[in-house]
């Protein structure tokens, strides 16, 4: 286009040099891959609710790290089958191997560290809760105490619309994950969490509905895999109890929910 870079912008050819320069120039900002960042100066991010999230592989894959957001796409007219095929290929093992080879994370589901899960559930025991939250906290502790959380997390409860591509990719990967030998016979839990401008009771209803919608979509998609592996499916909604992040909803609405996936 015949344009030049501004004189006050410093450009470098390698990420290691960029990372080193950031340390030398106060106020400088740049972007490098996680592997090139100095983890000693990487700080967790906390939002309005005060929950701190570090840029770990699990938090990035699950969307729990607030500075990572799904790429959303929308159009005036129907995108057609080709768009779905493109997104489906992007989640395939073939495409993910190519992505991983370039230094990025692949999207394959991983398990959360048990100590982090225990800290989260343990926090329910001495938290300051209202009546609706107290009931939800008891049910959440009981349901998830013996379960393991996967990084698979759905944004909102919709399987179409702005969140559709992200959720579809997560569901396709989940089908492959439950097909692994170590996951056969296990129960797949869809756990809804979220907030509502109408309070905790409304948040519980919204999150329960979101989890049930995603669970139904998964059963329709993975019927053969569920039968072959002897897996069962359940859904729960716990509203604004034990959030993992302060990430806001992708779409402005009075109610917002995200759906985690657990195995027990």
C-alpha atoms as a PDB file:
ATOM      1  CA  UNK A   1       0.000   0.000   0.000  1.00  0.00           C
ATOM      2  CA  UNK A   2       3.041   2.243  -0.073  1.00  0.00           C
ATOM      3  CA  UNK A   3       2.868   2.997   3.642  1.00  0.00           C
ATOM      4  CA  UNK A   4       5.719   2.940   6.158  1.00  0.00           C
ATOM      5  CA  UNK A   5       5.858   2.052   9.853  1.00  0.00           C
ATOM      6  CA  UNK A   6       5.813   5.025  12.204  1.00  0.00           C
ATOM      7  CA  UNK A   7       9.231   6.130  13.434  1.00  0.00           C
ATOM      8  CA  UNK A   8       8.251   5.535  17.075  1.00  0.00           C
ATOM      9  CA  UNK A   9       7.515   1.848  16.464  1.00  0.00           C
ATOM     10  CA  UNK A  10      10.437  -0.525  16.981  1.00  0.00           C
ATOM     11  CA  UNK A  11      10.332  -3.694  14.861  1.00  0.00           C
ATOM     12  CA  UNK A  12      12.365  -6.865  15.393  1.00  0.00           C
ATOM     13  CA  UNK A  13      12.645 -10.138  13.560  1.00  0.00           C
ATOM     14  CA  UNK A  14      12.619 -12.568  16.488  1.00  0.00           C
ATOM     15  CA  UNK A  15      10.402 -12.968  19.536  1.00  0.00           C
ATOM     16  CA  UNK A  16      13.270 -13.455  21.963  1.00  0.00           C
ATOM     17  CA  UNK A  17      14.613 -10.012  21.059  1.00  0.00           C
ATOM     18  CA  UNK A  18      11.161  -8.497  21.475  1.00  0.00           C
ATOM     19  CA  UNK A  19      10.730 -10.048  24.926  1.00  0.00           C
ATOM     20  CA  UNK A  20      14.170  -8.802  26.004  1.00  0.00           C
ATOM     21  CA  UNK A  21      13.464  -5.286  24.763  1.00  0.00           C
ATOM     22  CA  UNK A  22      10.195  -5.075  26.670  1.00  0.00           C
ATOM     23  CA  UNK A  23      12.224  -5.334  29.884  1.00  0.00           C
ATOM     24  CA  UNK A  24      14.449  -2.406  28.870  1.00  0.00           C
ATOM     25  CA  UNK A  25      11.843   0.165  27.819  1.00  0.00           C
ATOM     26  CA  UNK A  26       9.374   1.201  30.568  1.00  0.00           C
ATOM     27  CA  UNK A  27       5.819   1.397  29.251  1.00  0.00           C
ATOM     28  CA  UNK A  28       6.501  -0.687  26.164  1.00  0.00           C
ATOM     29  CA  UNK A  29       3.915  -3.178  24.950  1.00  0.00           C
ATOM     30  CA  UNK A  30       4.163  -6.042  22.490  1.00  0.00           C
ATOM     31  CA  UNK A  31       2.808  -9.521  21.762  1.00  0.00           C
ATOM     32  CA  UNK A  32       4.790 -12.762  21.777  1.00  0.00           C
ATOM     33  CA  UNK A  33       3.914 -16.441  22.069  1.00  0.00           C
ATOM     34  CA  UNK A  34       3.454 -17.788  25.584  1.00  0.00           C
ATOM     35  CA  UNK A  35       6.600 -19.892  25.250  1.00  0.00           C
ATOM     36  CA  UNK A  36       8.671 -16.737  24.712  1.00  0.00           C
ATOM     37  CA  UNK A  37       7.219 -14.813  27.666  1.00  0.00           C
ATOM     38  CA  UNK A  38       9.234 -14.637  30.870  1.00  0.00           C
ATOM     39  CA  UNK A  39       6.922 -16.388  33.333  1.00  0.00           C
ATOM     40  CA  UNK A  40       8.640 -14.628  36.225  1.00  0.00           C
ATOM     41  CA  UNK A  41       7.069 -11.352  35.143  1.00  0.00           C
ATOM     42  CA  UNK A  42       3.757 -12.812  33.964  1.00  0.00           C
ATOM     43  CA  UNK A  43       1.037 -11.866  36.426  1.00  0.00           C
ATOM     44  CA  UNK A  44      -2.417 -13.365  36.902  1.00  0.00           C
ATOM     45  CA  UNK A  45      -5.387 -11.298  35.799  1.00  0.00           C
ATOM     46  CA  UNK A  46      -8.321 -10.597  38.095  1.00  0.00           C
ATOM     47  CA  UNK A  47     -11.617  -9.053  37.053  1.00  0.00           C
ATOM     48  CA  UNK A  48     -14.389  -7.293  38.935  1.00  0.00           C
ATOM     49  CA  UNK A  49     -15.247 -10.357  40.999  1.00  0.00           C
ATOM     50  CA  UNK A  50     -11.668 -10.594  42.295  1.00  0.00           C
ATOM     51  CA  UNK A  51     -10.965 -14.110  41.024  1.00  0.00           C
ATOM     52  CA  UNK A  52      -7.391 -14.410  39.775  1.00  0.00           C
ATOM     53  CA  UNK A  53      -6.613 -16.466  36.659  1.00  0.00           C
ATOM     54  CA  UNK A  54      -3.090 -17.236  35.427  1.00  0.00           C
ATOM     55  CA  UNK A  55      -2.264 -17.938  31.742  1.00  0.00           C
ATOM     56  CA  UNK A  56      -1.869 -21.693  32.214  1.00  0.00           C
ATOM     57  CA  UNK A  57      -2.551 -24.091  29.347  1.00  0.00           C
ATOM     58  CA  UNK A  58      -5.787 -25.249  30.995  1.00  0.00           C
ATOM     59  CA  UNK A  59      -7.059 -21.726  31.643  1.00  0.00           C
ATOM     60  CA  UNK A  60      -6.319 -20.693  28.072  1.00  0.00           C
ATOM     61  CA  UNK A  61      -7.996 -23.734  26.506  1.00  0.00           C
ATOM     62  CA  UNK A  62     -11.070 -23.428  28.723  1.00  0.00           C
ATOM     63  CA  UNK A  63     -11.418 -19.692  28.276  1.00  0.00           C
ATOM     64  CA  UNK A  64     -10.924 -19.120  32.017  1.00  0.00           C
ATOM     65  CA  UNK A  65      -8.054 -16.712  31.340  1.00  0.00           C
ATOM     66  CA  UNK A  66      -9.767 -13.337  30.810  1.00  0.00           C
ATOM     67  CA  UNK A  67      -7.418 -12.110  28.075  1.00  0.00           C
ATOM     68  CA  UNK A  68      -8.258 -14.989  25.740  1.00  0.00           C
ATOM     69  CA  UNK A  69     -11.558 -14.860  23.880  1.00  0.00           C
ATOM     70  CA  UNK A  70     -13.055 -17.117  21.196  1.00  0.00           C
ATOM     71  CA  UNK A  71     -13.090 -15.738  17.684  1.00  0.00           C
ATOM     72  CA  UNK A  72     -16.724 -15.211  16.748  1.00  0.00           C
ATOM     73  CA  UNK A  73     -18.158 -14.791  13.256  1.00  0.00           C
ATOM     74  CA  UNK A  74     -21.501 -13.599  11.985  1.00  0.00           C
ATOM     75  CA  UNK A  75     -22.970 -12.532   8.668  1.00  0.00           C
ATOM     76  CA  UNK A  76     -26.085 -10.995   7.170  1.00  0.00           C
ATOM     77  CA  UNK A  77     -26.885 -14.074   5.098  1.00  0.00           C
ATOM     78  CA  UNK A  78     -26.640 -17.765   5.959  1.00  0.00           C
ATOM     79  CA  UNK A  79     -23.035 -18.886   5.765  1.00  0.00           C
ATOM     80  CA  UNK A  80     -23.961 -22.291   4.412  1.00  0.00           C
ATOM     81  CA  UNK A  81     -22.440 -25.726   4.899  1.00  0.00           C
ATOM     82  CA  UNK A  82     -18.947 -24.743   3.800  1.00  0.00           C
ATOM     83  CA  UNK A  83     -18.382 -22.577   6.887  1.00  0.00           C
ATOM     84  CA  UNK A  84     -19.276 -25.482   9.173  1.00  0.00           C
ATOM     85  CA  UNK A  85     -16.916 -27.723   7.203  1.00  0.00           C
ATOM     86  CA  UNK A  86     -14.082 -25.218   7.618  1.00  0.00           C
ATOM     87  CA  UNK A  87     -14.578 -24.966  11.395  1.00  0.00           C
ATOM     88  CA  UNK A  88     -14.955 -28.739  11.696  1.00  0.00           C
ATOM     89  CA  UNK A  89     -11.682 -29.289   9.832  1.00  0.00           C
ATOM     90  CA  UNK A  90      -9.987 -26.738  12.101  1.00  0.00           C
ATOM     91  CA  UNK A  91     -10.843 -28.923  15.118  1.00  0.00           C
ATOM     92  CA  UNK A  92      -9.663 -32.157  13.503  1.00  0.00           C
ATOM     93  CA  UNK A  93      -6.485 -33.946  14.598  1.00  0.00           C
ATOM     94  CA  UNK A  94      -4.880 -33.175  11.238  1.00  0.00           C
ATOM     95  CA  UNK A  95      -5.379 -29.417  11.557  1.00  0.00           C
ATOM     96  CA  UNK A  96      -4.515 -29.363  15.232  1.00  0.00           C
ATOM     97  CA  UNK A  97      -1.190 -31.101  14.608  1.00  0.00           C
ATOM     98  CA  UNK A  98      -0.342 -28.385  12.094  1.00  0.00           C
ATOM     99  CA  UNK A  99      -1.287 -25.668  14.586  1.00  0.00           C
ATOM    100  CA  UNK A 100       0.720 -27.275  17.401  1.00  0.00           C
ATOM    101  CA  UNK A 101       3.756 -27.561  15.113  1.00  0.00           C
ATOM    102  CA  UNK A 102       3.758 -23.765  14.779  1.00  0.00           C
ATOM    103  CA  UNK A 103       3.952 -23.305  18.555  1.00  0.00           C
ATOM    104  CA  UNK A 104       0.273 -22.769  19.376  1.00  0.00           C
ATOM    105  CA  UNK A 105      -1.869 -24.823  21.760  1.00  0.00           C
ATOM    106  CA  UNK A 106      -4.064 -27.442  20.188  1.00  0.00           C
ATOM    107  CA  UNK A 107      -7.679 -27.549  21.342  1.00  0.00           C
ATOM    108  CA  UNK A 108      -7.725 -31.143  22.553  1.00  0.00           C
ATOM    109  CA  UNK A 109      -9.337 -31.441  25.980  1.00  0.00           C
ATOM    110  CA  UNK A 110      -7.054 -31.835  29.000  1.00  0.00           C
ATOM    111  CA  UNK A 111      -7.808 -32.534  32.660  1.00  0.00           C
ATOM    112  CA  UNK A 112      -7.563 -29.872  35.336  1.00  0.00           C
ATOM    113  CA  UNK A 113      -5.078 -30.399  38.132  1.00  0.00           C
ATOM    114  CA  UNK A 114      -6.851 -32.054  41.072  1.00  0.00           C
ATOM    115  CA  UNK A 115      -5.451 -29.581  43.611  1.00  0.00           C
ATOM    116  CA  UNK A 116      -7.020 -26.650  41.753  1.00  0.00           C
ATOM    117  CA  UNK A 117     -10.350 -28.420  41.640  1.00  0.00           C
ATOM    118  CA  UNK A 118     -10.165 -29.177  45.365  1.00  0.00           C
ATOM    119  CA  UNK A 119      -9.354 -25.549  46.172  1.00  0.00           C
ATOM    120  CA  UNK A 120     -12.344 -24.366  44.192  1.00  0.00           C
ATOM    121  CA  UNK A 121     -14.776 -26.819  45.771  1.00  0.00           C
ATOM    122  CA  UNK A 122     -13.262 -26.319  49.225  1.00  0.00           C
ATOM    123  CA  UNK A 123     -13.995 -22.618  48.947  1.00  0.00           C
ATOM    124  CA  UNK A 124     -17.702 -23.451  48.965  1.00  0.00           C
ATOM    125  CA  UNK A 125     -17.488 -24.596  52.575  1.00  0.00           C
ATOM    126  CA  UNK A 126     -16.645 -21.222  54.112  1.00  0.00           C
ATOM    127  CA  UNK A 127     -17.969 -18.792  51.492  1.00  0.00           C
ATOM    128  CA  UNK A 128     -20.444 -16.039  52.304  1.00  0.00           C
ATOM    129  CA  UNK A 129     -23.577 -17.121  50.430  1.00  0.00           C
ATOM    130  CA  UNK A 130     -27.217 -16.109  50.251  1.00  0.00           C
ATOM    131  CA  UNK A 131     -29.971 -18.703  50.643  1.00  0.00           C
ATOM    132  CA  UNK A 132     -30.183 -19.617  46.944  1.00  0.00           C
ATOM    133  CA  UNK A 133     -26.406 -19.861  46.612  1.00  0.00           C
ATOM    134  CA  UNK A 134     -26.126 -21.989  49.747  1.00  0.00           C
ATOM    135  CA  UNK A 135     -28.415 -24.650  48.295  1.00  0.00           C
ATOM    136  CA  UNK A 136     -26.581 -24.550  44.955  1.00  0.00           C
ATOM    137  CA  UNK A 137     -23.194 -24.786  46.693  1.00  0.00           C
ATOM    138  CA  UNK A 138     -24.219 -27.932  48.546  1.00  0.00           C
ATOM    139  CA  UNK A 139     -25.451 -29.539  45.339  1.00  0.00           C
ATOM    140  CA  UNK A 140     -22.295 -28.506  43.464  1.00  0.00           C
ATOM    141  CA  UNK A 141     -19.971 -29.925  46.111  1.00  0.00           C
ATOM    142  CA  UNK A 142     -21.847 -33.223  46.120  1.00  0.00           C
ATOM    143  CA  UNK A 143     -21.998 -33.516  42.323  1.00  0.00           C
ATOM    144  CA  UNK A 144     -18.389 -32.610  41.569  1.00  0.00           C
ATOM    145  CA  UNK A 145     -16.445 -33.901  44.580  1.00  0.00           C
ATOM    146  CA  UNK A 146     -15.566 -37.159  42.806  1.00  0.00           C
ATOM    147  CA  UNK A 147     -15.470 -35.681  39.277  1.00  0.00           C
ATOM    148  CA  UNK A 148     -12.666 -34.347  37.072  1.00  0.00           C
ATOM    149  CA  UNK A 149     -13.016 -31.154  35.052  1.00  0.00           C
ATOM    150  CA  UNK A 150     -12.078 -31.108  31.382  1.00  0.00           C
ATOM    151  CA  UNK A 151     -10.860 -27.953  29.678  1.00  0.00           C
ATOM    152  CA  UNK A 152     -13.872 -28.206  27.351  1.00  0.00           C
ATOM    153  CA  UNK A 153     -16.065 -25.185  28.122  1.00  0.00           C
ATOM    154  CA  UNK A 154     -19.024 -23.833  26.166  1.00  0.00           C
ATOM    155  CA  UNK A 155     -19.628 -20.108  25.891  1.00  0.00           C
ATOM    156  CA  UNK A 156     -23.253 -19.436  26.757  1.00  0.00           C
ATOM    157  CA  UNK A 157     -25.959 -22.001  26.249  1.00  0.00           C
ATOM    158  CA  UNK A 158     -26.548 -21.483  22.536  1.00  0.00           C
ATOM    159  CA  UNK A 159     -25.494 -24.070  19.974  1.00  0.00           C
ATOM    160  CA  UNK A 160     -26.036 -21.547  17.190  1.00  0.00           C
ATOM    161  CA  UNK A 161     -25.585 -17.800  16.856  1.00  0.00           C
ATOM    162  CA  UNK A 162     -22.345 -15.970  17.731  1.00  0.00           C
ATOM    163  CA  UNK A 163     -21.151 -18.734  20.084  1.00  0.00           C
ATOM    164  CA  UNK A 164     -22.105 -21.539  17.714  1.00  0.00           C
ATOM    165  CA  UNK A 165     -18.730 -22.174  16.069  1.00  0.00           C
ATOM    166  CA  UNK A 166     -16.877 -22.281  19.398  1.00  0.00           C
ATOM    167  CA  UNK A 167     -19.440 -24.609  20.996  1.00  0.00           C
ATOM    168  CA  UNK A 168     -19.616 -26.890  17.956  1.00  0.00           C
ATOM    169  CA  UNK A 169     -15.830 -27.283  17.983  1.00  0.00           C
ATOM    170  CA  UNK A 170     -15.887 -28.072  21.703  1.00  0.00           C
ATOM    171  CA  UNK A 171     -18.623 -30.681  21.248  1.00  0.00           C
ATOM    172  CA  UNK A 172     -16.788 -32.404  18.394  1.00  0.00           C
ATOM    173  CA  UNK A 173     -13.611 -32.624  20.469  1.00  0.00           C
ATOM    174  CA  UNK A 174     -15.629 -33.945  23.417  1.00  0.00           C
ATOM    175  CA  UNK A 175     -16.960 -36.806  21.292  1.00  0.00           C
ATOM    176  CA  UNK A 176     -13.372 -37.866  20.601  1.00  0.00           C
ATOM    177  CA  UNK A 177     -12.400 -37.421  24.264  1.00  0.00           C
ATOM    178  CA  UNK A 178     -15.092 -39.695  25.686  1.00  0.00           C
ATOM    179  CA  UNK A 179     -14.112 -42.305  23.115  1.00  0.00           C
ATOM    180  CA  UNK A 180     -10.714 -42.751  24.755  1.00  0.00           C
ATOM    181  CA  UNK A 181     -10.351 -46.042  26.683  1.00  0.00           C
ATOM    182  CA  UNK A 182      -9.821 -44.286  30.037  1.00  0.00           C
ATOM    183  CA  UNK A 183     -13.132 -42.433  29.701  1.00  0.00           C
ATOM    184  CA  UNK A 184     -15.399 -45.312  28.757  1.00  0.00           C
ATOM    185  CA  UNK A 185     -18.186 -45.950  31.247  1.00  0.00           C
ATOM    186  CA  UNK A 186     -17.838 -42.507  32.816  1.00  0.00           C
ATOM    187  CA  UNK A 187     -20.651 -40.013  33.297  1.00  0.00           C
ATOM    188  CA  UNK A 188     -20.383 -36.754  31.326  1.00  0.00           C
ATOM    189  CA  UNK A 189     -21.560 -33.782  33.403  1.00  0.00           C
ATOM    190  CA  UNK A 190     -22.540 -30.474  31.805  1.00  0.00           C
ATOM    191  CA  UNK A 191     -22.247 -27.845  34.538  1.00  0.00           C
ATOM    192  CA  UNK A 192     -23.835 -24.444  33.977  1.00  0.00           C
ATOM    193  CA  UNK A 193     -22.526 -21.362  35.802  1.00  0.00           C
ATOM    194  CA  UNK A 194     -23.351 -17.722  35.276  1.00  0.00           C
ATOM    195  CA  UNK A 195     -24.904 -14.510  36.443  1.00  0.00           C
ATOM    196  CA  UNK A 196     -28.163 -12.613  36.078  1.00  0.00           C
ATOM    197  CA  UNK A 197     -29.199  -9.036  36.671  1.00  0.00           C
ATOM    198  CA  UNK A 198     -32.233 -10.507  38.444  1.00  0.00           C
ATOM    199  CA  UNK A 199     -30.163 -12.166  41.173  1.00  0.00           C
ATOM    200  CA  UNK A 200     -28.948 -15.621  42.207  1.00  0.00           C
ATOM    201  CA  UNK A 201     -32.187 -17.538  41.698  1.00  0.00           C
ATOM    202  CA  UNK A 202     -32.513 -16.272  38.124  1.00  0.00           C
ATOM    203  CA  UNK A 203     -28.839 -17.092  37.519  1.00  0.00           C
ATOM    204  CA  UNK A 204     -29.418 -20.677  38.643  1.00  0.00           C
ATOM    205  CA  UNK A 205     -32.395 -21.028  36.285  1.00  0.00           C
ATOM    206  CA  UNK A 206     -30.441 -19.559  33.355  1.00  0.00           C
ATOM    207  CA  UNK A 207     -27.407 -21.759  33.962  1.00  0.00           C
ATOM    208  CA  UNK A 208     -29.555 -24.871  34.386  1.00  0.00           C
ATOM    209  CA  UNK A 209     -31.270 -24.180  31.061  1.00  0.00           C
ATOM    210  CA  UNK A 210     -27.951 -23.527  29.305  1.00  0.00           C
ATOM    211  CA  UNK A 211     -26.418 -26.768  30.583  1.00  0.00           C
ATOM    212  CA  UNK A 212     -29.497 -28.791  29.622  1.00  0.00           C
ATOM    213  CA  UNK A 213     -29.464 -27.321  26.095  1.00  0.00           C
ATOM    214  CA  UNK A 214     -25.794 -28.166  25.572  1.00  0.00           C
ATOM    215  CA  UNK A 215     -26.264 -31.661  27.040  1.00  0.00           C
ATOM    216  CA  UNK A 216     -29.177 -32.336  24.664  1.00  0.00           C
ATOM    217  CA  UNK A 217     -27.104 -31.172  21.688  1.00  0.00           C
ATOM    218  CA  UNK A 218     -24.243 -33.423  22.765  1.00  0.00           C
ATOM    219  CA  UNK A 219     -26.500 -36.471  23.120  1.00  0.00           C
ATOM    220  CA  UNK A 220     -27.863 -35.851  19.629  1.00  0.00           C
ATOM    221  CA  UNK A 221     -24.342 -35.524  18.218  1.00  0.00           C
ATOM    222  CA  UNK A 222     -22.621 -38.314  20.165  1.00  0.00           C
ATOM    223  CA  UNK A 223     -25.350 -40.959  20.395  1.00  0.00           C
ATOM    224  CA  UNK A 224     -23.257 -43.740  18.834  1.00  0.00           C
ATOM    225  CA  UNK A 225     -20.152 -42.855  20.854  1.00  0.00           C
ATOM    226  CA  UNK A 226     -22.121 -42.764  24.113  1.00  0.00           C
ATOM    227  CA  UNK A 227     -23.649 -46.178  23.444  1.00  0.00           C
ATOM    228  CA  UNK A 228     -20.342 -47.727  22.408  1.00  0.00           C
ATOM    229  CA  UNK A 229     -18.530 -46.427  25.485  1.00  0.00           C
ATOM    230  CA  UNK A 230     -21.315 -46.995  27.999  1.00  0.00           C
ATOM    231  CA  UNK A 231     -21.311 -43.307  28.949  1.00  0.00           C
ATOM    232  CA  UNK A 232     -24.214 -41.434  30.528  1.00  0.00           C
ATOM    233  CA  UNK A 233     -24.991 -37.706  30.427  1.00  0.00           C
ATOM    234  CA  UNK A 234     -26.235 -35.349  33.172  1.00  0.00           C
ATOM    235  CA  UNK A 235     -26.648 -31.582  33.427  1.00  0.00           C
ATOM    236  CA  UNK A 236     -26.636 -29.167  36.371  1.00  0.00           C
ATOM    237  CA  UNK A 237     -26.942 -25.430  36.927  1.00  0.00           C
ATOM    238  CA  UNK A 238     -25.320 -23.691  39.895  1.00  0.00           C
ATOM    239  CA  UNK A 239     -25.712 -20.024  38.921  1.00  0.00           C
ATOM    240  CA  UNK A 240     -23.271 -17.560  40.456  1.00  0.00           C
ATOM    241  CA  UNK A 241     -21.599 -20.029  42.843  1.00  0.00           C
ATOM    242  CA  UNK A 242     -17.861 -20.788  42.567  1.00  0.00           C
ATOM    243  CA  UNK A 243     -17.053 -18.943  39.365  1.00  0.00           C
ATOM    244  CA  UNK A 244     -13.683 -19.693  37.800  1.00  0.00           C
ATOM    245  CA  UNK A 245     -13.267 -16.400  36.013  1.00  0.00           C
ATOM    246  CA  UNK A 246     -14.617 -12.892  35.645  1.00  0.00           C
ATOM    247  CA  UNK A 247     -15.041 -13.135  31.869  1.00  0.00           C
ATOM    248  CA  UNK A 248     -18.220 -11.395  30.753  1.00  0.00           C
ATOM    249  CA  UNK A 249     -20.664 -12.829  28.272  1.00  0.00           C
ATOM    250  CA  UNK A 250     -19.899 -12.521  24.570  1.00  0.00           C
ATOM    251  CA  UNK A 251     -23.422 -11.248  23.894  1.00  0.00           C
ATOM    252  CA  UNK A 252     -25.067  -8.481  25.922  1.00  0.00           C
ATOM    253  CA  UNK A 253     -27.990  -9.932  27.857  1.00  0.00           C
ATOM    254  CA  UNK A 254     -29.544  -9.877  31.303  1.00  0.00           C
ATOM    255  CA  UNK A 255     -28.608 -13.536  31.828  1.00  0.00           C
ATOM    256  CA  UNK A 256     -25.251 -15.059  30.998  1.00  0.00           C
ATOM    257  CA  UNK A 257     -24.074 -18.630  31.393  1.00  0.00           C
ATOM    258  CA  UNK A 258     -21.065 -20.751  30.526  1.00  0.00           C
ATOM    259  CA  UNK A 259     -21.099 -24.552  30.567  1.00  0.00           C
ATOM    260  CA  UNK A 260     -18.184 -26.596  31.881  1.00  0.00           C
ATOM    261  CA  UNK A 261     -17.674 -30.311  31.242  1.00  0.00           C
ATOM    262  CA  UNK A 262     -16.796 -32.740  34.029  1.00  0.00           C
ATOM    263  CA  UNK A 263     -16.326 -36.531  34.099  1.00  0.00           C
ATOM    264  CA  UNK A 264     -17.069 -38.873  36.987  1.00  0.00           C
END
